[in-house]
Full PDB file with SEQRES, HELIX, SHEET, SSBOND, CRYST1, ORIGX, SCALE, CONECT and MASTER records, all heavy atoms in Angstrom:
SEQRES   1 A   30  ALA GLY PHE LEU VAL ALA ILE MET MET ALA ASN ALA GLY          
SEQRES   2 A   30  GLY ALA TRP ASP ASN THR LYS LYS TYR ILE GLU GLN GLY          
SEQRES   3 A   30  HIS SER GLY GLY                                              
HELIX    1 AA1 GLY A    2  GLU A   24  1                                  23    
HELIX    2 AA2 HIS A   27  GLY A   29  5                                   3    
CRYST1    1.000    1.000    1.000  90.00  90.00  90.00 P 1           1          
ORIGX1      1.000000  0.000000  0.000000        0.00000                         
ORIGX2      0.000000  1.000000  0.000000        0.00000                         
ORIGX3      0.000000  0.000000  1.000000        0.00000                         
SCALE1      1.000000  0.000000  0.000000        0.00000                         
SCALE2      0.000000  1.000000  0.000000        0.00000                         
SCALE3      0.000000  0.000000  1.000000        0.00000                         
ATOM      1  N   ALA A   1     -49.160-119.538 -49.333  1.00  0.00           N  
ATOM      2  CA  ALA A   1     -50.135-120.631 -49.294  1.00  0.00           C  
ATOM      3  C   ALA A   1     -50.281-121.187 -47.878  1.00  0.00           C  
ATOM      4  O   ALA A   1     -51.396-121.444 -47.417  1.00  0.00           O  
ATOM      5  CB  ALA A   1     -49.715-121.741 -50.250  1.00  0.00           C  
ATOM      6  N   GLY A   2     -49.164-121.361 -47.184  1.00  0.00           N  
ATOM      7  CA  GLY A   2     -49.219-121.892 -45.817  1.00  0.00           C  
ATOM      8  C   GLY A   2     -49.948-120.970 -44.864  1.00  0.00           C  
ATOM      9  O   GLY A   2     -50.691-121.419 -43.992  1.00  0.00           O  
ATOM     10  N   PHE A   3     -49.762-119.663 -45.027  1.00  0.00           N  
ATOM     11  CA  PHE A   3     -50.469-118.692 -44.190  1.00  0.00           C  
ATOM     12  C   PHE A   3     -51.973-118.797 -44.384  1.00  0.00           C  
ATOM     13  O   PHE A   3     -52.741-118.833 -43.412  1.00  0.00           O  
ATOM     14  CB  PHE A   3     -49.986-117.275 -44.515  1.00  0.00           C  
ATOM     15  CG  PHE A   3     -50.762-116.199 -43.830  1.00  0.00           C  
ATOM     16  CD1 PHE A   3     -50.566-115.953 -42.482  1.00  0.00           C  
ATOM     17  CD2 PHE A   3     -51.695-115.451 -44.517  1.00  0.00           C  
ATOM     18  CE1 PHE A   3     -51.286-114.955 -41.835  1.00  0.00           C  
ATOM     19  CE2 PHE A   3     -52.418-114.461 -43.888  1.00  0.00           C  
ATOM     20  CZ  PHE A   3     -52.209-114.214 -42.538  1.00  0.00           C  
ATOM     21  N   LEU A   4     -52.407-118.877 -45.630  1.00  0.00           N  
ATOM     22  CA  LEU A   4     -53.845-118.969 -45.897  1.00  0.00           C  
ATOM     23  C   LEU A   4     -54.442-120.268 -45.350  1.00  0.00           C  
ATOM     24  O   LEU A   4     -55.537-120.265 -44.779  1.00  0.00           O  
ATOM     25  CB  LEU A   4     -54.105-118.855 -47.398  1.00  0.00           C  
ATOM     26  CG  LEU A   4     -53.799-117.494 -48.012  1.00  0.00           C  
ATOM     27  CD1 LEU A   4     -53.978-117.543 -49.515  1.00  0.00           C  
ATOM     28  CD2 LEU A   4     -54.680-116.430 -47.395  1.00  0.00           C  
ATOM     29  N   VAL A   5     -53.730-121.365 -45.516  1.00  0.00           N  
ATOM     30  CA  VAL A   5     -54.225-122.644 -44.997  1.00  0.00           C  
ATOM     31  C   VAL A   5     -54.272-122.633 -43.468  1.00  0.00           C  
ATOM     32  O   VAL A   5     -55.221-123.123 -42.861  1.00  0.00           O  
ATOM     33  CB  VAL A   5     -53.372-123.813 -45.531  1.00  0.00           C  
ATOM     34  CG1 VAL A   5     -53.736-125.119 -44.841  1.00  0.00           C  
ATOM     35  CG2 VAL A   5     -53.549-123.949 -47.028  1.00  0.00           C  
ATOM     36  N   ALA A   6     -53.256-122.044 -42.828  1.00  0.00           N  
ATOM     37  CA  ALA A   6     -53.239-121.986 -41.363  1.00  0.00           C  
ATOM     38  C   ALA A   6     -54.385-121.130 -40.837  1.00  0.00           C  
ATOM     39  O   ALA A   6     -55.047-121.506 -39.857  1.00  0.00           O  
ATOM     40  CB  ALA A   6     -51.902-121.429 -40.877  1.00  0.00           C  
ATOM     41  N   ILE A   7     -54.665-120.008 -41.477  1.00  0.00           N  
ATOM     42  CA  ILE A   7     -55.781-119.167 -41.065  1.00  0.00           C  
ATOM     43  C   ILE A   7     -57.107-119.905 -41.254  1.00  0.00           C  
ATOM     44  O   ILE A   7     -57.998-119.855 -40.401  1.00  0.00           O  
ATOM     45  CB  ILE A   7     -55.781-117.837 -41.856  1.00  0.00           C  
ATOM     46  CG1 ILE A   7     -54.542-117.022 -41.515  1.00  0.00           C  
ATOM     47  CG2 ILE A   7     -57.050-117.037 -41.604  1.00  0.00           C  
ATOM     48  CD1 ILE A   7     -54.466-116.575 -40.078  1.00  0.00           C  
ATOM     49  N   MET A   8     -57.244-120.603 -42.384  1.00  0.00           N  
ATOM     50  CA  MET A   8     -58.464-121.370 -42.625  1.00  0.00           C  
ATOM     51  C   MET A   8     -58.655-122.449 -41.569  1.00  0.00           C  
ATOM     52  O   MET A   8     -59.755-122.643 -41.056  1.00  0.00           O  
ATOM     53  CB  MET A   8     -58.421-122.003 -44.025  1.00  0.00           C  
ATOM     54  CG  MET A   8     -59.664-122.788 -44.418  1.00  0.00           C  
ATOM     55  SD  MET A   8     -59.778-124.521 -43.896  1.00  0.00           S  
ATOM     56  CE  MET A   8     -58.300-125.234 -44.500  1.00  0.00           C  
ATOM     57  N   MET A   9     -57.577-123.136 -41.224  1.00  0.00           N  
ATOM     58  CA  MET A   9     -57.681-124.217 -40.227  1.00  0.00           C  
ATOM     59  C   MET A   9     -58.054-123.665 -38.854  1.00  0.00           C  
ATOM     60  O   MET A   9     -58.883-124.254 -38.158  1.00  0.00           O  
ATOM     61  CB  MET A   9     -56.372-124.995 -40.146  1.00  0.00           C  
ATOM     62  CG  MET A   9     -56.084-125.827 -41.345  1.00  0.00           C  
ATOM     63  SD  MET A   9     -54.479-126.617 -41.196  1.00  0.00           S  
ATOM     64  CE  MET A   9     -54.894-128.274 -41.619  1.00  0.00           C  
ATOM     65  N   ALA A  10     -57.462-122.559 -38.471  1.00  0.00           N  
ATOM     66  CA  ALA A  10     -57.781-121.967 -37.170  1.00  0.00           C  
ATOM     67  C   ALA A  10     -59.237-121.513 -37.114  1.00  0.00           C  
ATOM     68  O   ALA A  10     -59.939-121.765 -36.128  1.00  0.00           O  
ATOM     69  CB  ALA A  10     -56.842-120.801 -36.885  1.00  0.00           C  
ATOM     70  N   ASN A  11     -59.708-120.876 -38.169  1.00  0.00           N  
ATOM     71  CA  ASN A  11     -61.087-120.390 -38.176  1.00  0.00           C  
ATOM     72  C   ASN A  11     -62.096-121.524 -38.287  1.00  0.00           C  
ATOM     73  O   ASN A  11     -63.124-121.509 -37.609  1.00  0.00           O  
ATOM     74  CB  ASN A  11     -61.289-119.387 -39.309  1.00  0.00           C  
ATOM     75  CG  ASN A  11     -60.635-118.063 -39.021  1.00  0.00           C  
ATOM     76  OD1 ASN A  11     -60.525-117.657 -37.878  1.00  0.00           O  
ATOM     77  ND2 ASN A  11     -60.181-117.394 -40.059  1.00  0.00           N  
ATOM     78  N   ALA A  12     -61.817-122.505 -39.132  1.00  0.00           N  
ATOM     79  CA  ALA A  12     -62.739-123.627 -39.284  1.00  0.00           C  
ATOM     80  C   ALA A  12     -62.812-124.450 -37.998  1.00  0.00           C  
ATOM     81  O   ALA A  12     -63.902-124.855 -37.569  1.00  0.00           O  
ATOM     82  CB  ALA A  12     -62.312-124.514 -40.456  1.00  0.00           C  
ATOM     83  N   GLY A  13     -61.676-124.693 -37.379  1.00  0.00           N  
ATOM     84  CA  GLY A  13     -61.678-125.452 -36.124  1.00  0.00           C  
ATOM     85  C   GLY A  13     -62.450-124.735 -35.036  1.00  0.00           C  
ATOM     86  O   GLY A  13     -63.217-125.352 -34.295  1.00  0.00           O  
ATOM     87  N   GLY A  14     -62.265-123.419 -34.927  1.00  0.00           N  
ATOM     88  CA  GLY A  14     -63.016-122.643 -33.936  1.00  0.00           C  
ATOM     89  C   GLY A  14     -64.506-122.634 -34.229  1.00  0.00           C  
ATOM     90  O   GLY A  14     -65.331-122.711 -33.319  1.00  0.00           O  
ATOM     91  N   ALA A  15     -64.855-122.553 -35.509  1.00  0.00           N  
ATOM     92  CA  ALA A  15     -66.277-122.551 -35.879  1.00  0.00           C  
ATOM     93  C   ALA A  15     -66.928-123.885 -35.536  1.00  0.00           C  
ATOM     94  O   ALA A  15     -68.054-123.924 -35.010  1.00  0.00           O  
ATOM     95  CB  ALA A  15     -66.427-122.250 -37.367  1.00  0.00           C  
ATOM     96  N   TRP A  16     -66.251-124.992 -35.820  1.00  0.00           N  
ATOM     97  CA  TRP A  16     -66.825-126.298 -35.506  1.00  0.00           C  
ATOM     98  C   TRP A  16     -66.960-126.482 -33.998  1.00  0.00           C  
ATOM     99  O   TRP A  16     -67.928-127.071 -33.519  1.00  0.00           O  
ATOM    100  CB  TRP A  16     -65.982-127.416 -36.111  1.00  0.00           C  
ATOM    101  CG  TRP A  16     -66.140-127.540 -37.593  1.00  0.00           C  
ATOM    102  CD1 TRP A  16     -67.239-127.220 -38.336  1.00  0.00           C  
ATOM    103  CD2 TRP A  16     -65.180-128.020 -38.518  1.00  0.00           C  
ATOM    104  NE1 TRP A  16     -67.011-127.467 -39.648  1.00  0.00           N  
ATOM    105  CE2 TRP A  16     -65.748-127.962 -39.798  1.00  0.00           C  
ATOM    106  CE3 TRP A  16     -63.884-128.487 -38.388  1.00  0.00           C  
ATOM    107  CZ2 TRP A  16     -65.078-128.360 -40.944  1.00  0.00           C  
ATOM    108  CZ3 TRP A  16     -63.211-128.881 -39.530  1.00  0.00           C  
ATOM    109  CH2 TRP A  16     -63.809-128.823 -40.790  1.00  0.00           C  
ATOM    110  N   ASP A  17     -66.009-125.998 -33.247  1.00  0.00           N  
ATOM    111  CA  ASP A  17     -66.072-126.085 -31.785  1.00  0.00           C  
ATOM    112  C   ASP A  17     -67.237-125.254 -31.254  1.00  0.00           C  
ATOM    113  O   ASP A  17     -68.012-125.704 -30.406  1.00  0.00           O  
ATOM    114  CB  ASP A  17     -64.745-125.618 -31.184  1.00  0.00           C  
ATOM    115  CG  ASP A  17     -64.696-125.818 -29.684  1.00  0.00           C  
ATOM    116  OD1 ASP A  17     -65.174-126.870 -29.209  1.00  0.00           O  
ATOM    117  OD2 ASP A  17     -64.170-124.939 -28.986  1.00  0.00           O  
ATOM    118  N   ASN A  18     -67.389-124.047 -31.762  1.00  0.00           N  
ATOM    119  CA  ASN A  18     -68.476-123.177 -31.305  1.00  0.00           C  
ATOM    120  C   ASN A  18     -69.841-123.693 -31.741  1.00  0.00           C  
ATOM    121  O   ASN A  18     -70.835-123.482 -31.036  1.00  0.00           O  
ATOM    122  CB  ASN A  18     -68.257-121.752 -31.814  1.00  0.00           C  
ATOM    123  CG  ASN A  18     -67.074-121.090 -31.147  1.00  0.00           C  
ATOM    124  OD1 ASN A  18     -66.668-121.484 -30.062  1.00  0.00           O  
ATOM    125  ND2 ASN A  18     -66.511-120.096 -31.803  1.00  0.00           N  
ATOM    126  N   THR A  19     -69.903-124.371 -32.873  1.00  0.00           N  
ATOM    127  CA  THR A  19     -71.173-124.943 -33.325  1.00  0.00           C  
ATOM    128  C   THR A  19     -71.664-125.998 -32.346  1.00  0.00           C  
ATOM    129  O   THR A  19     -72.850-126.042 -32.001  1.00  0.00           O  
ATOM    130  CB  THR A  19     -71.008-125.550 -34.725  1.00  0.00           C  
ATOM    131  OG1 THR A  19     -70.604-124.522 -35.622  1.00  0.00           O  
ATOM    132  CG2 THR A  19     -72.292-126.174 -35.208  1.00  0.00           C  
ATOM    133  N   LYS A  20     -70.761-126.841 -31.894  1.00  0.00           N  
ATOM    134  CA  LYS A  20     -71.161-127.870 -30.921  1.00  0.00           C  
ATOM    135  C   LYS A  20     -71.670-127.229 -29.635  1.00  0.00           C  
ATOM    136  O   LYS A  20     -72.703-127.624 -29.087  1.00  0.00           O  
ATOM    137  CB  LYS A  20     -70.003-128.808 -30.611  1.00  0.00           C  
ATOM    138  CG  LYS A  20     -70.422-129.972 -29.707  1.00  0.00           C  
ATOM    139  CD  LYS A  20     -69.251-130.821 -29.321  1.00  0.00           C  
ATOM    140  CE  LYS A  20     -68.565-130.124 -28.180  1.00  0.00           C  
ATOM    141  NZ  LYS A  20     -67.739-130.931 -27.332  1.00  0.00           N  
ATOM    142  N   LYS A  21     -70.987-126.211 -29.160  1.00  0.00           N  
ATOM    143  CA  LYS A  21     -71.426-125.509 -27.949  1.00  0.00           C  
ATOM    144  C   LYS A  21     -72.783-124.854 -28.154  1.00  0.00           C  
ATOM    145  O   LYS A  21     -73.628-124.869 -27.255  1.00  0.00           O  
ATOM    146  CB  LYS A  21     -70.387-124.460 -27.546  1.00  0.00           C  
ATOM    147  CG  LYS A  21     -69.084-125.054 -27.074  1.00  0.00           C  
ATOM    148  CD  LYS A  21     -68.059-123.972 -26.812  1.00  0.00           C  
ATOM    149  CE  LYS A  21     -66.710-124.583 -26.454  1.00  0.00           C  
ATOM    150  NZ  LYS A  21     -65.653-123.576 -26.366  1.00  0.00           N  
ATOM    151  N   TYR A  22     -73.003-124.293 -29.331  1.00  0.00           N  
ATOM    152  CA  TYR A  22     -74.267-123.644 -29.647  1.00  0.00           C  
ATOM    153  C   TYR A  22     -75.409-124.654 -29.633  1.00  0.00           C  
ATOM    154  O   TYR A  22     -76.470-124.400 -29.070  1.00  0.00           O  
ATOM    155  CB  TYR A  22     -74.154-122.976 -31.023  1.00  0.00           C  
ATOM    156  CG  TYR A  22     -75.397-122.258 -31.488  1.00  0.00           C  
ATOM    157  CD1 TYR A  22     -75.708-121.005 -30.988  1.00  0.00           C  
ATOM    158  CD2 TYR A  22     -76.222-122.814 -32.455  1.00  0.00           C  
ATOM    159  CE1 TYR A  22     -76.830-120.331 -31.429  1.00  0.00           C  
ATOM    160  CE2 TYR A  22     -77.336-122.153 -32.901  1.00  0.00           C  
ATOM    161  CZ  TYR A  22     -77.641-120.908 -32.382  1.00  0.00           C  
ATOM    162  OH  TYR A  22     -78.764-120.254 -32.820  1.00  0.00           O  
ATOM    163  N   ILE A  23     -75.185-125.808 -30.236  1.00  0.00           N  
ATOM    164  CA  ILE A  23     -76.227-126.844 -30.274  1.00  0.00           C  
ATOM    165  C   ILE A  23     -76.477-127.391 -28.876  1.00  0.00           C  
ATOM    166  O   ILE A  23     -77.624-127.676 -28.507  1.00  0.00           O  
ATOM    167  CB  ILE A  23     -75.842-127.955 -31.272  1.00  0.00           C  
ATOM    168  CG1 ILE A  23     -75.904-127.401 -32.699  1.00  0.00           C  
ATOM    169  CG2 ILE A  23     -76.753-129.169 -31.132  1.00  0.00           C  
ATOM    170  CD1 ILE A  23     -75.368-128.329 -33.752  1.00  0.00           C  
ATOM    171  N   GLU A  24     -75.449-127.517 -28.063  1.00  0.00           N  
ATOM    172  CA  GLU A  24     -75.618-128.033 -26.703  1.00  0.00           C  
ATOM    173  C   GLU A  24     -76.402-127.074 -25.815  1.00  0.00           C  
ATOM    174  O   GLU A  24     -76.908-127.470 -24.773  1.00  0.00           O  
ATOM    175  CB  GLU A  24     -74.256-128.350 -26.081  1.00  0.00           C  
ATOM    176  CG  GLU A  24     -73.631-129.603 -26.656  1.00  0.00           C  
ATOM    177  CD  GLU A  24     -72.255-129.894 -26.109  1.00  0.00           C  
ATOM    178  OE1 GLU A  24     -71.658-129.001 -25.461  1.00  0.00           O  
ATOM    179  OE2 GLU A  24     -71.766-131.011 -26.343  1.00  0.00           O  
ATOM    180  N   GLN A  25     -76.526-125.812 -26.222  1.00  0.00           N  
ATOM    181  CA  GLN A  25     -77.342-124.859 -25.477  1.00  0.00           C  
ATOM    182  C   GLN A  25     -78.826-125.001 -25.783  1.00  0.00           C  
ATOM    183  O   GLN A  25     -79.651-124.308 -25.199  1.00  0.00           O  
ATOM    184  CB  GLN A  25     -76.905-123.427 -25.794  1.00  0.00           C  
ATOM    185  CG  GLN A  25     -75.555-123.087 -25.243  1.00  0.00           C  
ATOM    186  CD  GLN A  25     -75.103-121.695 -25.658  1.00  0.00           C  
ATOM    187  OE1 GLN A  25     -75.703-121.060 -26.519  1.00  0.00           O  
ATOM    188  NE2 GLN A  25     -74.025-121.232 -25.040  1.00  0.00           N  
ATOM    189  N   GLY A  26     -79.176-125.913 -26.692  1.00  0.00           N  
ATOM    190  CA  GLY A  26     -80.576-126.172 -26.985  1.00  0.00           C  
ATOM    191  C   GLY A  26     -81.008-125.768 -28.376  1.00  0.00           C  
ATOM    192  O   GLY A  26     -82.162-125.977 -28.748  1.00  0.00           O  
ATOM    193  N   HIS A  27     -80.151-125.218 -29.152  1.00  0.00           N  
ATOM    194  CA  HIS A  27     -80.492-124.820 -30.514  1.00  0.00           C  
ATOM    195  C   HIS A  27     -80.401-126.020 -31.451  1.00  0.00           C  
ATOM    196  O   HIS A  27     -79.667-126.961 -31.210  1.00  0.00           O  
ATOM    197  CB  HIS A  27     -79.551-123.718 -31.002  1.00  0.00           C  
ATOM    198  CG  HIS A  27     -79.535-122.518 -30.114  1.00  0.00           C  
ATOM    199  ND1 HIS A  27     -80.504-121.547 -30.165  1.00  0.00           N  
ATOM    200  CD2 HIS A  27     -78.688-122.132 -29.149  1.00  0.00           C  
ATOM    201  CE1 HIS A  27     -80.245-120.610 -29.273  1.00  0.00           C  
ATOM    202  NE2 HIS A  27     -79.129-120.949 -28.631  1.00  0.00           N  
ATOM    203  N   SER A  28     -81.197-125.995 -32.510  1.00  0.00           N  
ATOM    204  CA  SER A  28     -81.176-127.039 -33.557  1.00  0.00           C  
ATOM    205  C   SER A  28     -81.380-128.440 -32.999  1.00  0.00           C  
ATOM    206  O   SER A  28     -80.787-129.397 -33.479  1.00  0.00           O  
ATOM    207  CB  SER A  28     -79.869-126.974 -34.357  1.00  0.00           C  
ATOM    208  OG  SER A  28     -79.733-125.729 -34.997  1.00  0.00           O  
ATOM    209  N   GLY A  29     -82.190-128.596 -31.986  1.00  0.00           N  
ATOM    210  CA  GLY A  29     -82.516-129.906 -31.452  1.00  0.00           C  
ATOM    211  C   GLY A  29     -81.811-130.259 -30.159  1.00  0.00           C  
ATOM    212  O   GLY A  29     -82.203-131.187 -29.464  1.00  0.00           O  
ATOM    213  N   GLY A  30     -80.752-129.573 -29.804  1.00  0.00           N  
ATOM    214  CA  GLY A  30     -80.059-129.820 -28.546  1.00  0.00           C  
ATOM    215  C   GLY A  30     -79.293-131.129 -28.532  1.00  0.00           C  
ATOM    216  O   GLY A  30     -79.089-131.779 -29.554  1.00  0.00           O  
TER     217      GLY A  30                                                      
MASTER        0    0    0    2    0    0    0    6  216    1    0    3          
END                                                                             
């Protein structure tokens, strides 16, 4: 269970970080 939660946290955190960078490049309103 801990392995699955740790993988989820690492991937979700990276996705949220990359989403902000993507929007700051001018996508979805900038």
